[in-house]
Protein backbone atom coordinates (compact mmCIF):
# COMPACT_ATOMS: atom_id res chain seq x y z
CA MET A 1 -44.80 8.86 -27.96
CA THR A 2 -43.84 9.77 -24.41
CA GLY A 3 -45.35 7.40 -21.88
CA TYR A 4 -46.05 4.68 -24.47
CA ALA A 5 -44.13 1.48 -25.16
CA ASN A 6 -44.23 -1.00 -28.02
CA LEU A 7 -45.66 -4.45 -27.49
CA VAL A 8 -44.25 -7.66 -28.81
CA VAL A 9 -46.01 -11.00 -28.68
CA ALA A 10 -43.71 -13.55 -27.07
CA LYS A 11 -44.01 -16.18 -29.78
CA ASP A 12 -43.00 -13.58 -32.39
CA ALA A 13 -39.75 -13.04 -30.48
CA ALA A 14 -38.82 -16.74 -30.33
CA ILE A 15 -35.31 -17.84 -31.27
CA GLY A 16 -36.21 -20.07 -34.19
CA ASN A 17 -39.33 -22.14 -34.68
CA ALA A 18 -38.17 -24.84 -32.27
CA TYR A 19 -38.63 -22.46 -29.32
CA ILE A 20 -42.06 -21.01 -30.13
CA ASP A 21 -43.94 -23.05 -27.48
CA LYS A 22 -41.50 -22.15 -24.72
CA ALA A 23 -41.35 -18.52 -25.79
CA SER A 24 -45.15 -18.14 -25.94
CA SER A 25 -45.62 -18.85 -22.23
CA CYS A 26 -42.40 -17.02 -21.24
CA ASN A 27 -41.44 -20.02 -19.09
CA ASP A 28 -37.97 -20.09 -20.64
CA ALA A 29 -36.37 -16.67 -21.00
CA ASP A 30 -33.58 -18.21 -23.08
CA ALA A 31 -36.15 -18.97 -25.79
CA LEU A 32 -36.68 -15.23 -26.40
CA ASP A 33 -34.54 -13.12 -28.73
CA TYR A 34 -33.19 -10.34 -26.52
CA ASN A 35 -32.81 -7.93 -29.44
CA LEU A 36 -36.50 -8.30 -30.26
CA ILE A 37 -37.84 -7.77 -26.71
CA TYR A 38 -35.45 -5.08 -25.42
CA GLY A 39 -37.41 -1.98 -24.34
CA LYS A 40 -40.78 -3.56 -25.18
CA ILE A 41 -43.73 -4.97 -23.27
CA VAL A 42 -43.81 -8.74 -23.89
CA VAL A 43 -47.22 -10.41 -24.10
CA CYS A 44 -46.81 -13.93 -22.72
CA THR A 45 -49.66 -16.03 -24.06
CA THR A 46 -50.46 -18.97 -26.29
CA THR A 47 -53.57 -17.22 -27.61
CA ASP A 48 -53.41 -16.07 -31.21
CA ILE A 49 -52.83 -12.34 -31.69
CA HIS A 50 -56.16 -12.06 -33.57
CA ASP A 51 -58.00 -12.88 -30.36
CA ILE A 52 -56.16 -10.15 -28.49
CA TRP A 53 -55.97 -7.19 -30.84
CA GLY A 54 -59.06 -7.61 -33.02
CA SER A 55 -59.38 -8.23 -36.73
CA SER A 56 -58.01 -5.04 -38.27
CA LYS A 57 -54.61 -5.52 -39.84
CA ASP A 58 -53.72 -1.88 -39.25
CA ASP A 59 -54.54 -2.19 -35.55
CA LYS A 60 -52.24 -5.18 -35.23
CA ALA A 61 -49.34 -3.69 -37.13
CA ARG A 62 -48.24 -1.31 -34.34
CA PRO A 63 -49.94 -2.30 -31.11
CA PHE A 64 -49.09 -0.10 -28.12
CA ALA A 65 -49.82 0.14 -24.40
CA ILE A 66 -49.67 2.84 -21.76
CA ILE A 67 -48.63 2.38 -18.14
CA LEU A 68 -50.88 4.58 -16.05
CA ARG A 69 -49.68 6.56 -13.06
CA THR A 70 -50.07 4.56 -9.85
CA SER A 71 -52.49 5.67 -7.16
CA VAL A 72 -52.37 5.06 -3.44
CA GLN A 73 -55.17 2.88 -2.13
CA GLN A 74 -56.06 3.47 1.50
CA PRO A 75 -55.86 0.24 3.54
CA THR A 76 -59.17 -1.22 4.64
CA GLN A 77 -57.73 -2.99 7.66
CA HIS A 78 -54.95 -2.54 10.16
CA GLU A 79 -51.63 -3.99 9.05
CA PRO A 80 -49.42 -5.64 9.95
CA THR A 81 -50.95 -8.25 12.23
CA VAL A 82 -49.30 -11.29 13.77
CA ALA A 83 -50.33 -14.43 11.89
CA TYR A 84 -51.95 -17.26 13.81
CA PHE A 85 -49.16 -19.64 12.72
CA SER A 86 -46.34 -17.36 13.90
CA SER A 87 -43.98 -18.79 16.55
CA ARG A 88 -44.75 -17.57 20.06
CA GLY A 89 -42.84 -17.25 23.33
CA PRO A 90 -41.88 -17.22 26.07
CA GLY A 91 -38.64 -19.08 25.54
CA SER A 92 -37.16 -21.72 27.81
CA ALA A 93 -34.15 -19.63 28.88
CA PRO A 94 -34.89 -17.62 32.05
CA GLY A 95 -34.69 -13.86 31.71
CA ILE A 96 -34.69 -13.86 27.90
CA ILE A 97 -37.78 -12.85 25.91
CA LYS A 98 -38.58 -14.87 22.80
CA PRO A 99 -39.13 -14.36 19.92
CA ASP A 100 -36.51 -11.69 19.29
CA LEU A 101 -38.18 -10.02 16.36
CA ALA A 102 -41.03 -10.23 13.85
CA ALA A 103 -40.71 -9.90 10.06
CA PRO A 104 -42.97 -10.26 6.98
CA GLY A 105 -43.83 -13.91 6.55
CA ARG A 106 -47.33 -14.15 5.10
CA ASN A 107 -48.15 -14.32 1.37
CA ILE A 108 -44.58 -13.52 0.28
CA LEU A 109 -43.57 -13.75 -3.38
CA ALA A 110 -40.50 -15.97 -3.23
CA ALA A 111 -38.14 -17.81 -5.55
CA TRP A 112 -39.22 -21.38 -6.27
CA PRO A 113 -37.06 -24.24 -7.56
CA PRO A 114 -38.25 -25.31 -11.04
CA PHE A 115 -38.41 -28.89 -12.22
CA GLU A 116 -35.02 -30.48 -12.76
CA LYS A 117 -35.66 -30.35 -16.48
CA ALA A 118 -37.70 -27.22 -17.13
CA ARG A 119 -41.10 -27.98 -18.56
CA ALA A 120 -43.76 -25.69 -19.94
CA ASP A 121 -45.58 -25.73 -16.58
CA SER A 122 -42.48 -24.94 -14.48
CA ILE A 123 -42.72 -21.99 -12.11
CA PHE A 124 -39.85 -19.90 -10.81
CA TYR A 125 -41.74 -17.87 -8.17
CA ASP A 126 -44.54 -18.72 -5.76
CA ILE A 127 -46.59 -17.14 -2.95
CA MET A 128 -45.52 -18.68 0.36
CA SER A 129 -45.93 -18.13 4.12
CA GLY A 130 -44.05 -19.12 7.27
CA THR A 131 -40.81 -18.63 9.16
CA SER A 132 -38.95 -19.58 5.98
CA MET A 133 -40.23 -16.33 4.48
CA ALA A 134 -39.64 -14.12 7.55
CA THR A 135 -36.08 -15.30 8.16
CA PRO A 136 -34.63 -14.10 4.81
CA HIS A 137 -35.96 -10.59 5.46
CA VAL A 138 -34.01 -10.40 8.74
CA THR A 139 -30.94 -12.11 7.29
CA GLY A 140 -30.82 -9.66 4.42
CA VAL A 141 -30.93 -6.62 6.70
CA ALA A 142 -28.30 -8.18 8.98
CA ALA A 143 -26.07 -8.66 5.93
CA LEU A 144 -26.53 -5.02 4.96
CA LEU A 145 -25.55 -3.93 8.48
CA LYS A 146 -22.44 -6.11 8.40
CA ALA A 147 -21.46 -4.63 5.04
CA LEU A 148 -22.00 -1.09 6.36
CA TYR A 149 -20.35 -1.71 9.74
CA PRO A 150 -17.88 -4.59 9.26
CA HIS A 151 -16.38 -4.07 12.74
CA TRP A 152 -19.71 -4.59 14.53
CA SER A 153 -20.15 -7.81 16.48
CA PRO A 154 -23.09 -10.19 15.83
CA ALA A 155 -24.63 -9.00 19.11
CA GLU A 156 -24.47 -5.36 18.04
CA ILE A 157 -26.16 -6.19 14.73
CA LYS A 158 -28.86 -8.13 16.57
CA SER A 159 -29.33 -5.22 18.96
CA ALA A 160 -29.73 -2.74 16.08
CA LEU A 161 -32.44 -4.92 14.53
CA MET A 162 -34.34 -5.36 17.79
CA THR A 163 -34.18 -1.93 19.44
CA THR A 164 -35.36 -0.06 16.31
CA ALA A 165 -38.31 -2.32 15.48
CA TYR A 166 -41.84 -1.05 14.79
CA ASN A 167 -44.53 -1.50 17.43
CA LEU A 168 -47.33 0.45 15.71
CA ASP A 169 -49.44 -0.53 12.70
CA ASN A 170 -50.44 1.59 9.68
CA ALA A 171 -53.06 3.38 11.80
CA LYS A 172 -50.48 4.27 14.49
CA ASN A 173 -52.06 1.80 16.91
CA PRO A 174 -50.27 -1.04 18.71
CA ILE A 175 -49.77 -4.06 16.43
CA GLN A 176 -52.45 -6.71 16.99
CA THR A 177 -52.73 -10.43 16.40
CA ASP A 178 -54.96 -11.66 13.59
CA SER A 179 -57.28 -13.41 16.06
CA GLY A 180 -59.25 -10.25 16.80
CA ASN A 181 -58.70 -6.99 18.66
CA VAL A 182 -55.88 -8.43 20.77
CA ILE A 183 -52.74 -6.33 21.17
CA ALA A 184 -49.61 -8.33 20.40
CA THR A 185 -47.21 -8.78 23.32
CA PRO A 186 -43.44 -9.39 23.29
CA TYR A 187 -44.32 -13.09 23.38
CA ASP A 188 -45.94 -12.56 19.96
CA ILE A 189 -43.56 -10.16 18.22
CA GLY A 190 -40.52 -9.84 20.47
CA SER A 191 -39.15 -6.33 20.16
CA GLY A 192 -41.47 -5.56 17.22
CA LEU A 193 -41.56 -5.63 13.43
CA LEU A 194 -38.28 -5.34 11.52
CA ASN A 195 -37.53 -1.73 10.50
CA PRO A 196 -34.59 -1.84 8.06
CA ASN A 197 -34.03 1.90 7.64
CA ALA A 198 -33.96 2.60 11.37
CA ALA A 199 -31.65 -0.37 12.00
CA LEU A 200 -29.02 1.22 9.76
CA ASN A 201 -28.59 4.01 12.32
CA PRO A 202 -29.66 2.70 15.75
CA GLY A 203 -27.80 5.26 17.86
CA LEU A 204 -27.07 2.82 20.70
CA VAL A 205 -26.39 -0.91 20.67
CA TYR A 206 -26.07 -3.63 23.30
CA ASP A 207 -23.10 -5.95 22.96
CA PHE A 208 -22.08 -9.19 24.63
CA ASN A 209 -19.31 -11.72 24.18
CA MET A 210 -18.49 -15.28 25.15
CA GLU A 211 -17.62 -14.30 28.71
CA ASP A 212 -21.06 -12.77 29.17
CA ILE A 213 -22.71 -15.95 27.87
CA VAL A 214 -20.69 -18.17 30.20
CA SER A 215 -21.43 -15.87 33.13
CA TYR A 216 -25.14 -16.06 32.37
CA LEU A 217 -25.12 -19.85 32.11
CA CYS A 218 -23.11 -20.25 35.33
CA SER A 219 -25.05 -17.80 37.46
CA SER A 220 -28.00 -20.13 38.15
CA ALA A 221 -30.27 -17.38 36.87
CA VAL A 222 -33.48 -19.07 37.96
CA GLY A 223 -32.47 -19.53 41.59
CA GLN A 224 -30.87 -16.10 41.78
CA LEU A 225 -33.96 -14.37 40.45
CA GLU A 226 -36.29 -16.28 42.76
CA SER A 227 -34.11 -15.42 45.75
CA LEU A 228 -34.11 -11.73 44.87
CA LYS A 229 -37.85 -11.75 44.54
CA GLU A 230 -38.39 -13.59 47.81
CA HIS A 231 -36.20 -11.39 49.98
CA TYR A 232 -36.29 -7.99 48.35
CA LYS A 233 -39.18 -8.13 45.88
CA VAL A 234 -36.82 -6.44 43.44
CA TYR A 235 -35.10 -7.73 40.34
CA TRP A 236 -32.11 -5.73 39.17
CA ASP A 237 -29.75 -5.91 36.25
CA ILE A 238 -26.74 -3.98 35.01
CA LYS A 239 -26.67 -3.13 31.29
CA LEU A 240 -23.74 -2.00 29.14
CA ILE A 241 -24.65 0.09 26.11
CA THR A 242 -22.43 1.36 23.28
CA TYR A 243 -22.78 4.62 21.37
CA ARG A 244 -22.72 4.27 17.58
CA ARG A 245 -22.48 7.79 16.19
CA LYS A 246 -23.35 8.68 12.61
CA TYR A 247 -22.80 12.16 11.15
CA ASP A 248 -23.91 14.79 13.67
CA ASP A 249 -26.05 12.58 15.91
CA PRO A 250 -26.80 14.01 19.37
CA ILE A 251 -24.69 12.61 22.21
CA ASP A 252 -27.29 12.80 25.03
CA PHE A 253 -30.09 10.31 25.70
CA GLN A 254 -32.97 10.27 28.19
CA VAL A 255 -34.94 7.25 29.32
CA GLU A 256 -38.67 6.78 28.84
CA ILE A 257 -40.40 4.06 30.86
CA GLU A 258 -43.63 2.20 30.14
CA ASN A 259 -44.43 0.42 33.42
CA PRO A 260 -46.15 -2.96 33.19
CA GLU A 261 -49.40 -3.40 35.11
CA GLY A 262 -48.62 -3.55 38.85
CA ILE A 263 -44.88 -3.11 38.30
CA SER A 264 -42.48 -0.22 38.86
CA ILE A 265 -39.41 0.10 36.62
CA GLN A 266 -36.57 2.44 37.48
CA VAL A 267 -33.53 3.09 35.30
CA LYS A 268 -30.48 4.71 36.92
CA PRO A 269 -29.14 7.05 35.70
CA SER A 270 -32.08 8.41 33.73
CA THR A 271 -29.83 10.34 31.33
CA VAL A 272 -26.58 9.26 29.66
CA SER A 273 -24.02 11.10 27.54
CA PHE A 274 -21.36 9.90 25.13
CA GLN A 275 -18.21 11.59 23.88
CA ARG A 276 -17.39 9.63 20.71
CA ASP A 277 -18.35 6.65 18.61
CA GLY A 278 -17.73 3.43 20.55
CA SER A 279 -18.10 5.08 23.98
CA LYS A 280 -19.75 2.82 26.56
CA VAL A 281 -21.82 3.49 29.67
CA THR A 282 -23.55 1.26 32.19
CA PHE A 283 -26.96 1.69 33.74
CA ARG A 284 -29.06 -0.22 36.23
CA VAL A 285 -32.62 -1.44 35.81
CA ASP A 286 -34.72 -2.03 38.96
CA ILE A 287 -38.03 -3.88 38.59
CA THR A 288 -40.28 -3.82 41.65
CA PRO A 289 -43.64 -5.67 41.83
CA LEU A 290 -46.29 -3.56 43.55
CA GLN A 291 -49.05 -6.18 43.73
CA PRO A 292 -49.56 -9.90 43.07
CA LEU A 293 -50.64 -10.61 39.51
CA ASN A 294 -50.04 -14.30 38.76
CA LYS A 295 -49.72 -13.46 35.08
CA ASP A 296 -47.19 -12.06 32.66
CA VAL A 297 -47.29 -8.29 32.20
CA PHE A 298 -45.35 -6.21 29.71
CA GLY A 299 -43.71 -2.82 29.47
CA SER A 300 -40.53 -1.26 28.13
CA TYR A 301 -37.78 1.27 28.62
CA THR A 302 -36.52 3.43 25.77
CA TRP A 303 -33.41 5.58 25.43
CA PHE A 304 -34.28 8.52 23.19
CA ASN A 305 -33.36 11.92 21.83
CA ASN A 306 -34.59 13.94 18.84
CA VAL A 307 -33.06 11.42 16.40
CA HIS A 308 -33.14 7.97 17.99
CA ARG A 309 -35.47 5.71 19.95
CA VAL A 310 -33.73 2.63 21.38
CA ARG A 311 -36.47 0.47 22.87
CA SER A 312 -36.22 -2.68 24.99
CA PRO A 313 -39.33 -4.69 25.96
CA VAL A 314 -39.79 -5.97 29.51
CA ALA A 315 -41.80 -9.02 30.61
CA VAL A 316 -42.51 -9.65 34.31
CA GLN A 317 -44.52 -12.17 36.33
CA ALA A 318 -45.25 -11.22 39.97
CA GLN A 319 -46.28 -14.26 42.01
CA SER A 320 -48.63 -13.88 44.99
CA THR A 321 -46.25 -15.93 47.18
CA TYR A 322 -43.86 -12.97 47.30
CA PHE A 323 -46.36 -10.66 49.05
């Protein structure tokens, strides 16, 4: 019958009597006869079939089951939220926001190492939480990007993951922490929640190489930034961005700015155009404090068109001593 599938009790599909116990609990797949279970629903239990299907011999002769059509259950709470145990920023390196990115890491069904010699109570999967669960999600998407774009640098792959991340929950509101109605900041989720599909076609990527790293380390970033703030009350930076075209993607981008509280951000130029895949342009970001805050405030700038949104978070602290 269409939509129905035969059932087979696991112990009845054992390979010989010696494997009945292992087959009954389905803890050892090798104990099951593949030819007997192929295309069937396997009932994994040690309970006798009489207790499951009743007492009628006819009923037990051809048991069957139906898999019902799934239905969408509306969520009762906003998801995702940032778990209380999630790693937070800011990082120790000046001018660099940490964490980079957030990914699913709570109540994840994950592979689990069984006992060295498999026993009846061995498990092969478990529900786990933590960075050890979030990291494989990001690593897997990074591997997919490298397979799709083998010529991309590690920095370009990282950029694609970060600039395309989600910042809204399932209710289209800003992602919150799980400690109450507190909106998550870049110190909680970095650029946002991993968005695999968007990362596959980011539109623009930021790249850097060893020379850029050495230049950063040798520039005495802390002293330079403090000096700029003290004399000009402006922090500026020059960014290099690379166009990564796919199919008939548009070549023009505009900038959208979300100013932090008490801060003015200017991006020059405010529009950029690219001629071909791999084209590069530079732009300047000016950050001007308008009032003393003595706290970290957050905003962003986003390059966008009708296909792409390439977002970068901004974190600023304006000290009263500079006014």
